[in-house]
Protein backbone atom coordinates (compact mmCIF):
# COMPACT_ATOMS: atom_id res chain seq x y z
CA UNK A 1 -5.21 -8.77 -43.70
CA UNK A 2 -8.24 -7.11 -42.21
CA UNK A 3 -7.89 -3.58 -40.83
CA UNK A 4 -8.16 -2.25 -37.32
CA UNK A 5 -9.98 -4.21 -34.66
CA UNK A 6 -11.43 -6.57 -37.25
CA UNK A 7 -8.12 -8.41 -37.68
CA UNK A 8 -8.28 -9.93 -34.19
CA UNK A 9 -9.81 -13.32 -33.46
CA UNK A 10 -12.07 -13.05 -30.40
CA UNK A 11 -11.80 -15.49 -27.54
CA UNK A 12 -14.29 -18.33 -27.75
CA UNK A 13 -15.95 -18.82 -24.38
CA UNK A 14 -16.73 -22.24 -22.90
CA UNK A 15 -20.36 -23.14 -22.47
CA UNK A 16 -20.82 -24.03 -18.78
CA UNK A 17 -24.41 -23.21 -17.93
CA UNK A 18 -24.07 -24.74 -14.46
CA UNK A 19 -20.77 -23.06 -13.54
CA UNK A 20 -20.35 -22.86 -9.77
CA UNK A 21 -17.45 -20.49 -9.26
CA UNK A 22 -19.53 -17.24 -9.19
CA UNK A 23 -21.06 -18.41 -5.91
CA UNK A 24 -17.72 -19.24 -4.28
CA UNK A 25 -15.50 -17.06 -2.11
CA UNK A 26 -11.82 -17.26 -1.25
CA UNK A 27 -11.54 -18.49 2.33
CA UNK A 28 -7.92 -19.61 2.56
CA UNK A 29 -4.55 -18.88 1.05
CA UNK A 30 -3.40 -20.88 -1.97
CA UNK A 31 -0.04 -22.55 -2.18
CA UNK A 32 2.27 -19.75 -3.29
CA UNK A 33 5.19 -20.14 -5.63
CA UNK A 34 7.43 -17.20 -6.45
CA UNK A 35 8.74 -17.15 -10.01
CA UNK A 36 10.65 -13.88 -9.53
CA UNK A 37 14.06 -15.47 -10.01
CA UNK A 38 13.04 -17.14 -13.26
CA UNK A 39 10.09 -15.51 -15.02
CA UNK A 40 10.70 -12.13 -13.43
CA UNK A 41 14.45 -12.24 -13.98
CA UNK A 42 14.26 -13.23 -17.64
CA UNK A 43 12.13 -10.13 -18.31
CA UNK A 44 14.75 -7.70 -16.95
CA UNK A 45 16.82 -5.53 -19.27
CA UNK A 46 19.81 -6.44 -17.11
CA UNK A 47 19.18 -9.80 -15.41
CA UNK A 48 20.18 -10.12 -11.78
CA UNK A 49 23.71 -11.24 -11.04
CA UNK A 50 24.55 -13.92 -8.48
CA UNK A 51 24.76 -11.51 -5.55
CA UNK A 52 21.43 -9.90 -6.42
CA UNK A 53 19.72 -13.26 -6.87
CA UNK A 54 20.94 -14.42 -3.48
CA UNK A 55 19.64 -11.26 -1.81
CA UNK A 56 16.31 -11.62 -3.58
CA UNK A 57 16.10 -15.31 -2.64
CA UNK A 58 16.62 -14.48 1.04
CA UNK A 59 13.94 -11.78 0.83
CA UNK A 60 11.46 -14.29 -0.64
CA UNK A 61 12.16 -16.66 2.23
CA UNK A 62 11.59 -13.87 4.76
CA UNK A 63 8.23 -13.12 3.13
CA UNK A 64 7.27 -16.75 3.67
CA UNK A 65 7.45 -18.45 0.27
CA UNK A 66 7.88 -22.21 0.62
CA UNK A 67 8.17 -22.85 -3.11
CA UNK A 68 10.52 -20.73 -5.21
CA UNK A 69 11.30 -21.21 -8.89
CA UNK A 70 14.99 -20.35 -8.99
CA UNK A 71 15.71 -20.53 -12.67
CA UNK A 72 16.20 -22.43 -15.90
CA UNK A 73 19.50 -24.22 -15.18
CA UNK A 74 19.73 -25.90 -18.56
CA UNK A 75 19.38 -22.60 -20.40
CA UNK A 76 22.80 -21.12 -19.63
CA UNK A 77 25.90 -21.57 -17.51
CA UNK A 78 24.92 -18.52 -15.46
CA UNK A 79 21.60 -20.09 -14.50
CA UNK A 80 23.33 -23.38 -13.76
CA UNK A 81 25.93 -21.66 -11.56
CA UNK A 82 23.29 -19.78 -9.56
CA UNK A 83 21.43 -23.00 -8.76
CA UNK A 84 24.63 -24.79 -7.74
CA UNK A 85 25.55 -21.84 -5.49
CA UNK A 86 22.19 -22.09 -3.72
CA UNK A 87 22.62 -25.83 -3.17
CA UNK A 88 26.34 -25.99 -2.37
CA UNK A 89 26.20 -22.87 -0.19
CA UNK A 90 23.35 -24.29 1.91
CA UNK A 91 21.17 -21.25 1.24
CA UNK A 92 17.99 -23.33 0.97
CA UNK A 93 16.12 -23.93 4.26
CA UNK A 94 14.85 -27.46 4.86
CA UNK A 95 11.23 -26.32 4.66
CA UNK A 96 11.69 -24.57 1.29
CA UNK A 97 11.33 -26.35 -2.06
CA UNK A 98 13.22 -25.00 -5.03
CA UNK A 99 11.63 -25.28 -8.45
CA UNK A 100 13.51 -25.56 -11.73
CA UNK A 101 12.03 -25.05 -15.17
CA UNK A 102 12.91 -27.08 -18.25
CA UNK A 103 11.45 -27.63 -21.68
CA UNK A 104 10.33 -31.17 -22.48
CA UNK A 105 13.52 -31.89 -24.40
CA UNK A 106 15.75 -34.84 -23.48
CA UNK A 107 19.15 -33.07 -23.40
CA UNK A 108 17.77 -30.17 -21.38
CA UNK A 109 16.08 -32.52 -18.91
CA UNK A 110 19.34 -34.42 -18.36
CA UNK A 111 21.22 -31.14 -17.79
CA UNK A 112 18.58 -30.09 -15.25
CA UNK A 113 18.99 -33.30 -13.22
CA UNK A 114 22.73 -32.67 -13.10
CA UNK A 115 22.04 -29.19 -11.76
CA UNK A 116 19.72 -30.29 -8.92
CA UNK A 117 22.07 -32.94 -7.53
CA UNK A 118 22.32 -32.62 -3.76
CA UNK A 119 19.18 -30.57 -3.28
CA UNK A 120 16.80 -31.75 -0.56
CA UNK A 121 13.42 -30.66 -1.94
CA UNK A 122 12.96 -30.01 -5.66
CA UNK A 123 10.07 -29.50 -8.06
CA UNK A 124 11.04 -30.42 -11.62
CA UNK A 125 8.80 -28.22 -13.73
CA UNK A 126 8.64 -29.21 -17.39
CA UNK A 127 6.52 -27.80 -20.18
CA UNK A 128 5.71 -27.64 -23.84
CA UNK A 129 3.36 -25.35 -25.69
CA UNK A 130 -0.06 -26.72 -26.62
CA UNK A 131 -2.10 -23.85 -28.08
CA UNK A 132 -3.69 -23.98 -31.51
CA UNK A 133 -1.63 -20.96 -32.55
CA UNK A 134 1.69 -22.46 -31.43
CA UNK A 135 0.87 -25.80 -33.08
CA UNK A 136 0.05 -24.03 -36.33
CA UNK A 137 2.73 -21.35 -36.44
CA UNK A 138 5.71 -22.58 -34.39
CA UNK A 139 5.73 -26.38 -34.26
CA UNK A 140 3.70 -27.11 -37.39
CA UNK A 141 2.24 -30.24 -35.84
CA UNK A 142 -1.07 -31.54 -34.59
CA UNK A 143 -2.21 -32.16 -31.01
CA UNK A 144 -0.91 -35.71 -31.05
CA UNK A 145 2.51 -34.33 -31.88
CA UNK A 146 2.64 -32.08 -28.80
CA UNK A 147 1.23 -34.92 -26.64
CA UNK A 148 4.10 -37.13 -27.81
CA UNK A 149 6.62 -34.45 -26.77
CA UNK A 150 5.10 -34.17 -23.30
CA UNK A 151 4.85 -37.94 -22.80
CA UNK A 152 8.47 -38.55 -23.87
CA UNK A 153 9.62 -35.78 -21.50
CA UNK A 154 7.57 -37.24 -18.64
CA UNK A 155 8.96 -40.73 -19.24
CA UNK A 156 12.57 -39.49 -19.12
CA UNK A 157 11.93 -37.40 -15.99
CA UNK A 158 10.43 -40.41 -14.22
CA UNK A 159 13.41 -42.60 -15.14
CA UNK A 160 15.95 -40.02 -13.99
CA UNK A 161 14.02 -39.47 -10.76
CA UNK A 162 14.05 -43.18 -9.95
CA UNK A 163 17.80 -43.27 -10.58
CA UNK A 164 18.33 -40.22 -8.36
CA UNK A 165 16.30 -41.77 -5.53
CA UNK A 166 18.56 -44.83 -5.57
CA UNK A 167 21.65 -42.62 -5.24
CA UNK A 168 20.08 -40.23 -2.77
CA UNK A 169 17.05 -41.74 -0.95
CA UNK A 170 16.57 -38.57 1.14
CA UNK A 171 16.04 -36.39 -1.90
CA UNK A 172 12.41 -35.34 -2.42
CA UNK A 173 11.63 -34.77 -6.11
CA UNK A 174 8.15 -33.64 -7.13
CA UNK A 175 6.74 -33.10 -10.61
CA UNK A 176 5.09 -30.15 -12.26
CA UNK A 177 3.81 -30.01 -15.79
CA UNK A 178 2.61 -26.95 -17.72
CA UNK A 179 0.69 -27.10 -20.99
CA UNK A 180 2.13 -23.73 -21.93
CA UNK A 181 -0.38 -21.34 -23.51
CA UNK A 182 -3.13 -23.30 -21.77
CA UNK A 183 -5.67 -20.53 -22.36
CA UNK A 184 -5.22 -20.89 -26.12
CA UNK A 185 -5.66 -24.67 -26.04
CA UNK A 186 -8.88 -26.59 -26.56
CA UNK A 187 -9.94 -27.68 -23.07
CA UNK A 188 -10.42 -31.33 -23.94
CA UNK A 189 -6.94 -31.39 -25.45
CA UNK A 190 -5.53 -29.73 -22.32
CA UNK A 191 -7.19 -32.35 -20.15
CA UNK A 192 -5.93 -35.18 -22.35
CA UNK A 193 -2.29 -34.13 -22.43
CA UNK A 194 -2.25 -33.69 -18.65
CA UNK A 195 -3.89 -37.11 -18.19
CA UNK A 196 -1.22 -38.74 -20.33
CA UNK A 197 1.57 -36.99 -18.42
CA UNK A 198 0.09 -38.10 -15.07
CA UNK A 199 -0.09 -41.65 -16.37
CA UNK A 200 3.51 -41.65 -17.53
CA UNK A 201 4.74 -40.24 -14.18
CA UNK A 202 2.77 -42.85 -12.20
CA UNK A 203 0.99 -40.14 -10.26
CA UNK A 204 -1.05 -41.09 -7.19
CA UNK A 205 -3.10 -39.26 -4.61
CA UNK A 206 -0.25 -39.77 -2.15
CA UNK A 207 2.25 -38.31 -4.63
CA UNK A 208 0.29 -35.63 -6.51
CA UNK A 209 1.50 -33.75 -9.54
CA UNK A 210 1.33 -29.99 -9.92
CA UNK A 211 -0.60 -29.20 -13.08
CA UNK A 212 0.20 -25.62 -13.91
CA UNK A 213 -2.33 -23.99 -16.24
CA UNK A 214 -0.76 -20.79 -17.54
CA UNK A 215 -2.47 -17.78 -18.93
CA UNK A 216 0.79 -17.39 -20.83
CA UNK A 217 -0.80 -14.64 -22.88
CA UNK A 218 -3.95 -13.24 -21.30
CA UNK A 219 -6.56 -13.53 -24.03
CA UNK A 220 -9.96 -13.22 -22.33
CA UNK A 221 -11.85 -11.50 -19.58
CA UNK A 222 -11.18 -12.99 -16.13
CA UNK A 223 -14.40 -15.00 -16.13
CA UNK A 224 -13.15 -16.82 -19.24
CA UNK A 225 -10.09 -18.07 -17.38
CA UNK A 226 -12.26 -19.12 -14.43
CA UNK A 227 -14.50 -21.11 -16.76
CA UNK A 228 -11.47 -22.87 -18.21
CA UNK A 229 -10.20 -23.80 -14.76
CA UNK A 230 -13.59 -25.11 -13.61
CA UNK A 231 -13.98 -27.11 -16.82
CA UNK A 232 -10.51 -28.60 -16.47
CA UNK A 233 -11.05 -29.55 -12.81
CA UNK A 234 -14.39 -31.19 -13.63
CA UNK A 235 -13.05 -33.30 -16.49
CA UNK A 236 -9.59 -34.30 -15.27
CA UNK A 237 -9.53 -37.98 -14.29
CA UNK A 238 -7.96 -38.59 -10.88
CA UNK A 239 -8.48 -34.95 -9.88
CA UNK A 240 -7.48 -35.64 -6.29
CA UNK A 241 -4.00 -36.61 -7.48
CA UNK A 242 -3.35 -33.15 -8.91
CA UNK A 243 -2.60 -29.76 -7.45
CA UNK A 244 -4.10 -27.26 -9.89
CA UNK A 245 -1.76 -24.31 -10.25
CA UNK A 246 -2.27 -20.91 -11.90
CA UNK A 247 0.37 -18.96 -13.79
CA UNK A 248 -1.39 -15.80 -15.00
CA UNK A 249 0.13 -13.00 -17.01
CA UNK A 250 -1.24 -9.48 -17.25
CA UNK A 251 -1.53 -8.68 -20.94
CA UNK A 252 -5.06 -7.31 -20.55
CA UNK A 253 -4.33 -5.76 -17.17
CA UNK A 254 -6.59 -8.32 -15.51
CA UNK A 255 -4.11 -10.75 -14.01
CA UNK A 256 -5.19 -10.24 -10.39
CA UNK A 257 -8.90 -10.50 -11.19
CA UNK A 258 -8.34 -13.59 -13.35
CA UNK A 259 -6.39 -15.27 -10.55
CA UNK A 260 -9.01 -14.50 -7.91
CA UNK A 261 -11.80 -15.90 -10.05
CA UNK A 262 -9.72 -18.95 -10.99
CA UNK A 263 -9.12 -19.68 -7.29
CA UNK A 264 -12.88 -19.54 -6.84
CA UNK A 265 -13.12 -21.99 -9.74
CA UNK A 266 -11.07 -24.65 -7.95
CA UNK A 267 -7.36 -23.87 -8.31
CA UNK A 268 -5.04 -24.68 -5.39
CA UNK A 269 -1.83 -22.86 -6.17
CA UNK A 270 -0.57 -19.59 -7.65
CA UNK A 271 2.70 -18.77 -9.39
CA UNK A 272 3.48 -15.07 -9.50
CA UNK A 273 6.00 -12.35 -8.79
CA UNK A 274 6.47 -9.43 -6.43
CA UNK A 275 4.96 -6.27 -7.91
CA UNK A 276 3.97 -8.21 -11.03
CA UNK A 277 7.39 -8.19 -12.73
CA UNK A 278 7.58 -10.42 -15.79
CA UNK A 279 7.45 -10.66 -19.57
CA UNK A 280 5.59 -7.92 -21.45
CA UNK A 281 3.06 -6.46 -18.98
CA UNK A 282 4.22 -8.86 -16.31
CA UNK A 283 3.10 -11.82 -14.23
CA UNK A 284 0.33 -11.65 -11.69
CA UNK A 285 1.31 -9.58 -8.65
CA UNK A 286 1.47 -11.80 -5.57
CA UNK A 287 1.58 -8.81 -3.21
CA UNK A 288 -1.73 -7.44 -4.48
CA UNK A 289 -3.33 -10.89 -4.36
CA UNK A 290 -2.13 -11.57 -0.82
CA UNK A 291 -3.11 -8.21 0.60
CA UNK A 292 -6.49 -8.35 -1.15
CA UNK A 293 -7.08 -11.50 0.90
CA UNK A 294 -5.85 -9.74 4.04
CA UNK A 295 -8.46 -7.01 3.62
CA UNK A 296 -11.16 -9.68 3.41
CA UNK A 297 -10.22 -11.28 6.70
CA UNK A 298 -8.22 -14.12 5.11
CA UNK A 299 -4.66 -14.84 6.24
CA UNK A 300 -2.56 -14.97 3.03
CA UNK A 301 0.24 -16.75 4.93
CA UNK A 302 2.78 -14.35 3.43
CA UNK A 303 4.33 -11.56 5.47
CA UNK A 304 4.21 -8.07 3.96
CA UNK A 305 4.25 -6.12 7.25
CA UNK A 306 7.36 -4.24 6.10
CA UNK A 307 6.48 -3.55 2.51
CA UNK A 308 8.96 -0.68 2.21
CA UNK A 309 11.87 -3.05 2.90
CA UNK A 310 10.58 -5.51 0.30
CA UNK A 311 10.19 -2.66 -2.16
CA UNK A 312 13.78 -1.53 -1.52
CA UNK A 313 15.17 -5.02 -2.16
CA UNK A 314 13.06 -5.40 -5.28
CA UNK A 315 14.12 -2.05 -6.76
CA UNK A 316 17.78 -2.56 -5.88
CA UNK A 317 18.02 -6.07 -7.32
CA UNK A 318 15.84 -5.68 -10.42
CA UNK A 319 16.62 -2.02 -11.25
CA UNK A 320 12.84 -1.65 -11.71
CA UNK A 321 10.72 1.03 -10.04
CA UNK A 322 7.47 0.36 -8.22
CA UNK A 323 4.90 2.81 -9.67
CA UNK A 324 3.63 5.43 -7.19
CA UNK A 325 0.05 4.18 -7.65
CA UNK A 326 0.89 0.49 -7.26
CA UNK A 327 -1.61 -1.14 -4.87
CA UNK A 328 -0.46 -1.22 -1.25
CA UNK A 329 3.19 -0.37 -1.94
CA UNK A 330 3.16 2.72 -4.13
CA UNK A 331 4.30 6.01 -2.68
CA UNK A 332 0.89 7.63 -3.17
CA UNK A 333 -1.55 4.83 -2.30
CA UNK A 334 -2.05 6.02 1.27
CA UNK A 335 -2.54 9.64 0.31
CA UNK A 336 -5.60 11.74 -0.32
CA UNK A 337 -5.56 15.04 -2.19
CA UNK A 338 -9.30 15.56 -2.50
CA UNK A 339 -10.75 17.69 0.26
CA UNK A 340 -13.83 15.49 0.75
CA UNK A 341 -11.62 12.39 0.96
CA UNK A 342 -9.35 14.06 3.48
CA UNK A 343 -12.28 15.09 5.60
CA UNK A 344 -13.72 11.56 5.53
CA UNK A 345 -10.38 10.02 6.51
CA UNK A 346 -10.04 12.49 9.37
CA UNK A 347 -13.54 11.70 10.61
CA UNK A 348 -12.94 7.97 10.24
CA UNK A 349 -9.82 8.16 12.38
CA UNK A 350 -11.68 10.12 15.04
CA UNK A 351 -14.55 7.62 14.92
CA UNK A 352 -12.19 4.71 15.52
CA UNK A 353 -10.55 6.47 18.45
CA UNK A 354 -13.84 7.45 20.04
CA UNK A 355 -15.85 4.29 19.38
CA UNK A 356 -13.20 1.72 20.24
CA UNK A 357 -14.32 -0.43 17.27
CA UNK A 358 -12.48 -3.70 16.73
CA UNK A 359 -12.57 -3.25 12.97
CA UNK A 360 -10.79 -1.01 10.49
CA UNK A 361 -13.43 1.53 9.49
CA UNK A 362 -11.85 4.48 7.74
CA UNK A 363 -13.28 5.68 4.42
CA UNK A 364 -11.02 5.60 1.35
CA UNK A 365 -8.42 3.42 3.10
CA UNK A 366 -9.20 -0.26 2.45
CA UNK A 367 -6.25 -1.36 4.57
CA UNK A 368 -4.61 -0.02 7.71
CA UNK A 369 -1.28 1.45 6.51
CA UNK A 370 0.33 0.14 9.69
CA UNK A 371 -0.37 -3.44 8.53
CA UNK A 372 2.22 -3.00 5.78
CA UNK A 373 4.63 -0.87 7.78
CA UNK A 374 3.45 2.45 6.43
CA UNK A 375 2.80 5.55 8.53
CA UNK A 376 -0.26 7.66 9.14
CA UNK A 377 1.65 10.91 8.58
CA UNK A 378 1.71 10.76 4.79
CA UNK A 379 -1.91 9.73 4.40
CA UNK A 380 -3.07 13.29 3.82
CA UNK A 381 -1.25 15.30 1.17
CA UNK A 382 -2.16 18.87 0.42
CA UNK A 383 -2.49 20.58 -2.94
CA UNK A 384 -4.83 23.12 -4.53
CA UNK A 385 -7.59 20.49 -4.70
CA UNK A 386 -7.44 19.69 -1.01
CA UNK A 387 -10.06 20.65 1.52
CA UNK A 388 -10.14 21.99 5.01
CA UNK A 389 -10.24 18.55 6.61
CA UNK A 390 -6.86 17.52 5.21
CA UNK A 391 -5.08 20.59 6.48
CA UNK A 392 -6.54 20.09 9.95
CA UNK A 393 -5.49 16.44 9.86
CA UNK A 394 -1.87 17.31 9.05
CA UNK A 395 -1.61 19.84 11.88
CA UNK A 396 -3.33 17.57 14.40
CA UNK A 397 -1.46 14.37 13.61
CA UNK A 398 1.97 15.79 12.89
CA UNK A 399 2.13 18.67 15.37
CA UNK A 400 -0.67 18.26 17.88
CA UNK A 401 -2.30 21.51 16.70
CA UNK A 402 -6.04 20.76 17.00
CA UNK A 403 -7.82 23.71 15.44
CA UNK A 404 -11.52 24.09 16.29
CA UNK A 405 -13.71 23.06 13.36
CA UNK A 406 -14.96 26.61 12.84
CA UNK A 407 -11.37 27.66 12.15
CA UNK A 408 -10.77 25.07 9.41
CA UNK A 409 -12.16 27.10 6.47
CA UNK A 410 -10.11 30.18 7.33
CA UNK A 411 -6.75 28.44 7.46
CA UNK A 412 -7.62 26.14 4.56
CA UNK A 413 -8.03 29.22 2.36
CA UNK A 414 -4.53 30.32 3.36
CA UNK A 415 -3.13 26.90 2.41
CA UNK A 416 -4.96 26.74 -0.92
CA UNK A 417 -3.67 30.17 -1.88
CA UNK A 418 -0.11 29.04 -1.15
CA UNK A 419 -0.65 25.88 -3.22
CA UNK A 420 -1.95 27.91 -6.15
CA UNK A 421 1.04 30.24 -5.96
CA UNK A 422 3.54 27.37 -5.82
CA UNK A 423 1.70 25.22 -8.34
CA UNK A 424 2.43 22.02 -6.39
CA UNK A 425 1.62 20.17 -3.21
CA UNK A 426 2.72 21.41 0.20
CA UNK A 427 4.62 19.20 2.62
CA UNK A 428 3.61 18.92 6.26
CA UNK A 429 6.41 21.20 7.44
CA UNK A 430 5.40 23.85 4.90
CA UNK A 431 1.82 23.77 6.19
CA UNK A 432 3.04 24.17 9.76
CA UNK A 433 5.23 27.09 8.70
CA UNK A 434 2.19 28.70 7.06
CA UNK A 435 0.21 28.27 10.28
CA UNK A 436 2.94 29.95 12.32
CA UNK A 437 3.33 32.82 9.87
CA UNK A 438 -0.40 33.40 9.66
CA UNK A 439 -1.11 33.31 13.41
CA UNK A 440 1.93 32.93 15.63
CA UNK A 441 4.11 35.57 13.96
CA UNK A 442 1.51 38.36 14.19
CA UNK A 443 3.09 41.11 16.33
CA UNK A 444 1.12 44.28 15.60
CA UNK A 445 -0.03 46.91 15.27
CA UNK A 446 -1.52 46.31 18.77
CA UNK A 447 0.54 44.84 21.60
CA UNK A 448 -0.25 44.10 25.21
CA UNK A 449 2.85 45.68 26.65
CA UNK A 450 2.29 44.47 30.21
CA UNK A 451 -0.53 43.41 32.50
CA UNK A 452 -1.35 42.63 36.10
CA UNK A 453 -4.05 40.38 37.53
CA UNK A 454 -5.35 40.68 41.09
CA UNK A 455 -8.10 38.72 42.79
CA UNK A 456 -10.67 39.88 45.34
CA UNK A 457 -12.69 37.23 47.20
CA UNK A 458 -15.84 37.79 49.23
CA UNK A 459 -16.16 35.12 51.92
CA UNK A 460 -19.84 35.84 52.45
CA UNK A 461 -21.05 35.00 48.93
CA UNK A 462 -17.93 33.07 47.84
CA UNK A 463 -17.64 35.23 44.73
CA UNK A 464 -14.28 36.07 43.22
CA UNK A 465 -13.70 39.35 41.46
CA UNK A 466 -10.70 39.60 39.17
CA UNK A 467 -9.10 42.97 38.37
CA UNK A 468 -7.09 43.48 35.21
CA UNK A 469 -4.73 46.39 34.58
CA UNK A 470 -2.40 46.66 31.67
CA UNK A 471 -0.98 48.79 28.90
CA UNK A 472 -2.11 48.50 25.29
CA UNK A 473 0.32 49.87 22.75
CA UNK A 474 -0.44 50.82 19.12
CA UNK A 475 2.69 50.73 16.93
CA UNK A 476 5.19 53.26 18.34
CA UNK A 477 2.58 55.38 20.12
CA UNK A 478 2.59 55.80 23.84
CA UNK A 479 0.95 52.91 25.67
CA UNK A 480 -2.62 53.41 26.84
CA UNK A 481 -3.61 52.14 30.28
CA UNK A 482 -6.59 49.80 30.26
CA UNK A 483 -8.54 48.36 33.17
CA UNK A 484 -11.33 45.86 33.58
CA UNK A 485 -13.12 43.60 36.02
CA UNK A 486 -14.55 40.12 35.59
CA UNK A 487 -15.15 36.79 37.23
CA UNK A 488 -11.93 35.46 35.71
CA UNK A 489 -8.74 36.75 34.07
CA UNK A 490 -10.12 36.48 30.54
CA UNK A 491 -13.39 38.15 31.47
CA UNK A 492 -11.53 40.99 33.16
CA UNK A 493 -9.29 41.45 30.10
CA UNK A 494 -12.28 41.52 27.72
CA UNK A 495 -13.96 44.08 29.97
CA UNK A 496 -10.85 46.25 29.70
CA UNK A 497 -10.78 45.89 25.89
CA UNK A 498 -14.45 46.87 25.74
CA UNK A 499 -13.46 50.29 27.15
CA UNK A 500 -11.19 50.97 24.18
CA UNK A 501 -11.95 51.79 20.53
CA UNK A 502 -11.61 48.01 19.94
CA UNK A 503 -14.85 47.38 21.81
CA UNK A 504 -16.67 46.77 18.53
CA UNK A 505 -14.92 43.40 18.27
CA UNK A 506 -17.28 40.75 19.67
CA UNK A 507 -15.90 37.72 21.54
CA UNK A 508 -17.59 34.63 20.03
CA UNK A 509 -15.82 31.51 21.28
CA UNK A 510 -12.53 29.98 22.26
CA UNK A 511 -10.86 26.55 22.46
CA UNK A 512 -7.66 25.53 24.13
CA UNK A 513 -5.46 22.50 24.68
CA UNK A 514 -2.00 21.59 25.87
CA UNK A 515 0.73 21.26 23.27
CA UNK A 516 3.42 19.73 25.46
CA UNK A 517 3.70 17.68 28.62
CA UNK A 518 5.57 17.83 31.89
CA UNK A 519 7.17 20.88 33.39
CA UNK A 520 7.37 22.58 30.01
CA UNK A 521 3.65 22.26 29.34
CA UNK A 522 2.13 25.10 27.34
CA UNK A 523 -1.38 25.94 26.29
CA UNK A 524 -2.57 27.10 22.91
CA UNK A 525 -5.78 29.12 22.74
CA UNK A 526 -7.89 29.61 19.63
CA UNK A 527 -9.97 32.79 19.76
CA UNK A 528 -12.94 33.50 17.51
CA UNK A 529 -14.06 37.13 17.19
CA UNK A 530 -16.63 38.95 15.11
CA UNK A 531 -15.21 42.07 13.47
CA UNK A 532 -17.03 45.44 13.37
CA UNK A 533 -17.95 44.54 9.77
CA UNK A 534 -19.57 41.27 10.92
CA UNK A 535 -16.83 38.97 9.63
CA UNK A 536 -15.45 36.06 11.68
CA UNK A 537 -11.74 36.05 12.38
CA UNK A 538 -9.44 33.83 14.46
CA UNK A 539 -6.32 34.37 16.48
CA UNK A 540 -4.10 32.12 18.58
CA UNK A 541 -2.06 32.60 21.70
CA UNK A 542 0.56 30.32 23.22
CA UNK A 543 1.82 30.55 26.77
CA UNK A 544 2.60 28.59 29.90
CA UNK A 545 -0.24 30.63 31.44
CA UNK A 546 -3.66 29.64 30.08
CA UNK A 547 -5.17 33.06 30.78
CA UNK A 548 -2.34 34.89 29.05
CA UNK A 549 -2.59 32.54 26.07
CA UNK A 550 -6.23 33.58 25.68
CA UNK A 551 -5.37 37.30 25.91
CA UNK A 552 -2.68 36.88 23.27
CA UNK A 553 -5.19 35.12 21.06
CA UNK A 554 -7.62 38.05 21.28
CA UNK A 555 -4.88 40.53 20.33
CA UNK A 556 -3.75 38.22 17.51
CA UNK A 557 -7.27 38.08 16.02
CA UNK A 558 -7.67 41.86 16.19
CA UNK A 559 -4.27 42.42 14.60
CA UNK A 560 -5.06 40.00 11.76
CA UNK A 561 -8.09 42.17 10.94
CA UNK A 562 -6.05 45.37 10.65
CA UNK A 563 -5.08 46.86 7.31
CA UNK A 564 -1.57 47.40 8.69
CA UNK A 565 -1.09 43.94 10.21
CA UNK A 566 2.52 43.43 11.31
CA UNK A 567 4.36 40.08 11.29
CA UNK A 568 7.77 39.06 12.55
CA UNK A 569 9.04 35.76 11.17
CA UNK A 570 11.93 35.74 13.65
CA UNK A 571 9.58 35.30 16.62
CA UNK A 572 9.97 32.11 18.71
CA UNK A 573 8.02 29.18 17.29
CA UNK A 574 4.94 27.67 18.86
CA UNK A 575 6.95 24.96 20.56
CA UNK A 576 9.63 27.30 21.82
CA UNK A 577 9.54 28.59 25.41
CA UNK A 578 7.28 31.60 25.62
């Protein structure tokens, strides 16, 4: 045997110089068929029991699947029992078609027809493997040999169906055939075996067959599968009497891409599983396919608005875990750690609010989390790689704390330091606690012990003069009386402070907003000062009185610049009465 990569036989592409699929787009949903209860279940370490299968079946119906492959009833008594429970327990809605899988073997086909007795709508899905490798290694026969197997199976299925219709005229039985390992089969041979099966089943346009073309083992790039589908559709006689179905696996990690291109190439139907569960690397993930369509303005006709609930059912019934980076459903897919990403998301959200756009236009978020039942709160997550925008987003969206933009770098540095010290991400409540400790809990060394505001109005020039008197206390020293005059309370207070040794602090700017509503409404003020050394520093103040909130913010900023800054973590929180 050859060594390394040289021992593998490369996929032989089909020569279609006039292929059309690259110019096509997906404009409508395919027919969906869930194979979770069969293909997905058989890949589980511990297959689902009856109770779990019933719960999963109900979940699939809620999502909107109208075709569900429920199992392989001829394979075991357990599979047989589950199907009979679904039928006898009236679990199958009238608008849902169950699908059963069977190999093209006479005794298994007969057992399958026993199992479906009494069902209203059934797809009998039979198959045999057709690939060159399977013919050579497993069956040791030629193509005519595998055609004979398929034709004999089709003949028996047709006979049993006709007998069943006589006994139960209301029963609707449809046919599906899979040349298993289609992608490893010569295309002309694949077309021929399907033609012979259609002939044997007396297929018409009014009663079409489902021809399922599996990528049983993914063996090429996605364009290779698309070429195969287009070739097959072009060369199949009586094409309008067939529903072309896809059954991709994910061995190369390209199942979703292969399916999308194959739909562009002419396929009508997709068989897949939730979250891509299945043999080896899994089946194609229907959730990703459907929501990819959703983000392109195409209704997938499946409902994933509560993806967390679907995820819970899936994990409980299968004992599998959805990876945190799984598209649309993973724990981390609506998060952003990078500072530039966080900033862009924050700006995108503000743009949407301000512009009133009808479209989803937020960078780094290809889908609105609300469309799948997710929340905005966890979008931004903070670690040592995060930027100032993310921290501001958390405070604004979770707590209504809207820091002025100039303040973002200062507090972001505080957060990043905490992340570095912890060595992990910070939760929203931890960030809020940091904000309170850094700004709200500052209590010294300077304190405004008391103050009084009086107004003086001149009726002749309509000017108002505000007088401020108060006591400024440094640590345990005796309070010092301060006085000032201004056109407003804040101006008068700043005038008073300018008559103290703190006059070298320069008032730069302030912002304020309400942080509660109703009778308990409070204001938060953000004060920006320039220190005697020329550095910018911020402080905050919270109060029912807007003027007092501003004064507290000035004192807070000055105290934060002191070498002997004092903090009291037992102080009332920002949202407490103050």
